[in-house]
Amino acid sequence: QVQLVESGGGLVQPGGSLRLSCAASGRVDRIYTMGWYRQAPGKQRELVAATTSGGSTIYKDSVKGRFTISRDDAKNMVYLQMNSLKPDDTAVYYCKMVAGRIPENYWGQGTQVTVSS
């Protein structure tokens, strides 16, 4: 089993920045894809950004140029640097990893990001 723990959420004013972190522990073995998703009230969970073990990255169109995903495989961690935050970025942000000797999906518990003046 793999456990994921996110941190770094909070309340920030529009235009501000936050950095989310997600740490994997347990029987990690190998991590393939690492990603961040978000879910706003009344909306479906959506992909924000993801990175593969080969270094490829993808971003939701509305966060391109503002968010940056990065990973540290030595520490089994993934980060999301969020700049120029907007009220529409308000959501619970979830970390997801595809990991294990037999790849499986693992999710964190979520961290709240609120962008408001």
Protein backbone atom coordinates (compact mmCIF):
# COMPACT_ATOMS: atom_id res chain seq x y z
CA GLN A 1 0.00 0.00 0.00
CA VAL A 2 1.02 3.56 -0.72
CA GLN A 3 -0.08 6.53 1.33
CA LEU A 4 -0.10 10.10 -0.02
CA VAL A 5 -0.14 13.20 2.14
CA GLU A 6 -0.62 16.68 0.71
CA SER A 7 0.34 19.96 2.30
CA GLY A 8 0.61 23.62 1.42
CA GLY A 9 -2.98 24.65 0.87
CA GLY A 10 -4.53 27.71 2.40
CA LEU A 11 -6.13 31.09 1.83
CA VAL A 12 -4.45 33.49 -0.58
CA GLN A 13 -5.43 36.73 -2.25
CA PRO A 14 -5.90 36.93 -6.02
CA GLY A 15 -2.53 37.23 -7.71
CA GLY A 16 -0.80 35.40 -4.90
CA SER A 17 1.14 32.15 -4.88
CA LEU A 18 1.05 28.81 -3.12
CA ARG A 19 3.16 25.69 -3.34
CA LEU A 20 1.53 22.34 -2.80
CA SER A 21 3.54 19.29 -1.81
CA CYS A 22 2.64 15.61 -1.83
CA ALA A 23 4.70 12.90 -0.19
CA ALA A 24 4.35 9.18 -0.85
CA SER A 25 5.15 6.59 1.79
CA GLY A 26 4.70 2.87 2.28
CA ARG A 27 5.44 0.23 -0.35
CA VAL A 28 6.18 2.70 -3.10
CA ASP A 29 8.45 0.43 -5.19
CA ARG A 30 8.15 2.57 -8.27
CA ILE A 31 6.17 5.70 -9.17
CA TYR A 32 5.05 6.21 -12.72
CA THR A 33 2.77 9.20 -13.15
CA MET A 34 2.35 11.92 -10.54
CA GLY A 35 -0.40 14.46 -10.83
CA TRP A 36 -2.61 17.06 -9.26
CA TYR A 37 -6.37 17.20 -9.59
CA ARG A 38 -8.89 19.62 -8.14
CA GLN A 39 -12.56 19.64 -7.32
CA ALA A 40 -14.60 22.76 -6.75
CA PRO A 41 -18.01 22.64 -5.02
CA GLY A 42 -20.65 21.26 -7.34
CA LYS A 43 -18.12 20.38 -10.03
CA GLN A 44 -16.38 17.21 -11.14
CA ARG A 45 -12.80 16.47 -10.23
CA GLU A 46 -10.49 17.63 -13.01
CA LEU A 47 -6.87 17.18 -13.96
CA VAL A 48 -4.70 20.23 -13.26
CA ALA A 49 -1.24 18.94 -14.11
CA ALA A 50 0.63 15.66 -14.39
CA THR A 51 4.15 14.45 -14.96
CA THR A 52 5.38 11.06 -16.13
CA SER A 53 8.48 9.17 -15.06
CA GLY A 54 9.94 10.08 -18.44
CA GLY A 55 9.64 13.77 -17.69
CA SER A 56 6.64 14.66 -19.85
CA THR A 57 4.18 17.13 -18.39
CA ILE A 58 0.63 18.17 -19.20
CA TYR A 59 -1.44 21.05 -17.88
CA LYS A 60 -5.04 22.12 -17.89
CA ASP A 61 -5.29 24.98 -20.37
CA SER A 62 -6.44 27.53 -17.80
CA VAL A 63 -3.34 27.01 -15.61
CA LYS A 64 -0.69 26.98 -18.34
CA GLY A 65 1.92 29.63 -17.68
CA ARG A 66 0.81 30.01 -14.06
CA PHE A 67 1.27 26.55 -12.50
CA THR A 68 4.34 24.35 -12.59
CA ILE A 69 4.46 20.69 -11.61
CA SER A 70 7.72 19.09 -10.52
CA ARG A 71 8.78 15.82 -8.95
CA ASP A 72 11.60 14.55 -6.78
CA ASP A 73 11.84 10.81 -7.30
CA ALA A 74 14.53 10.42 -4.65
CA LYS A 75 12.07 11.73 -2.06
CA ASN A 76 8.91 10.28 -3.63
CA MET A 77 7.41 13.74 -3.79
CA VAL A 78 5.53 15.89 -6.26
CA TYR A 79 4.99 19.62 -6.08
CA LEU A 80 2.67 22.16 -7.65
CA GLN A 81 3.84 25.76 -7.74
CA MET A 82 0.83 27.98 -8.29
CA ASN A 83 1.36 31.62 -9.25
CA SER A 84 -1.03 34.39 -10.25
CA LEU A 85 -3.85 32.61 -8.50
CA LYS A 86 -7.42 33.47 -9.40
CA PRO A 87 -10.70 32.96 -7.54
CA ASP A 88 -11.58 30.26 -10.12
CA ASP A 89 -8.63 28.24 -8.81
CA THR A 90 -10.46 27.76 -5.51
CA ALA A 91 -10.94 24.04 -4.94
CA VAL A 92 -9.78 21.03 -3.00
CA TYR A 93 -6.56 19.87 -4.61
CA TYR A 94 -5.75 16.17 -4.67
CA CYS A 95 -2.49 14.44 -5.36
CA LYS A 96 -2.59 11.25 -7.41
CA MET A 97 0.18 8.78 -8.15
CA VAL A 98 0.33 5.68 -10.25
CA ALA A 99 2.73 3.50 -8.31
CA GLY A 100 3.70 0.01 -7.24
CA ARG A 101 5.19 -3.12 -8.70
CA ILE A 102 1.79 -3.63 -10.29
CA PRO A 103 0.74 -0.04 -11.12
CA GLU A 104 -2.24 1.17 -9.15
CA ASN A 105 -3.86 4.56 -8.57
CA TYR A 106 -3.36 6.20 -5.19
CA TRP A 107 -4.99 9.42 -3.97
CA GLY A 108 -4.22 11.84 -1.19
CA GLN A 109 -6.83 13.19 1.19
CA GLY A 110 -6.91 16.63 -0.44
CA THR A 111 -5.89 20.12 0.60
CA GLN A 112 -8.09 23.20 0.37
CA VAL A 113 -6.97 26.15 -1.73
CA THR A 114 -9.05 29.29 -1.42
CA VAL A 115 -8.33 32.37 -3.51
CA SER A 116 -10.23 35.35 -2.18
CA SER A 117 -9.76 38.97 -1.23
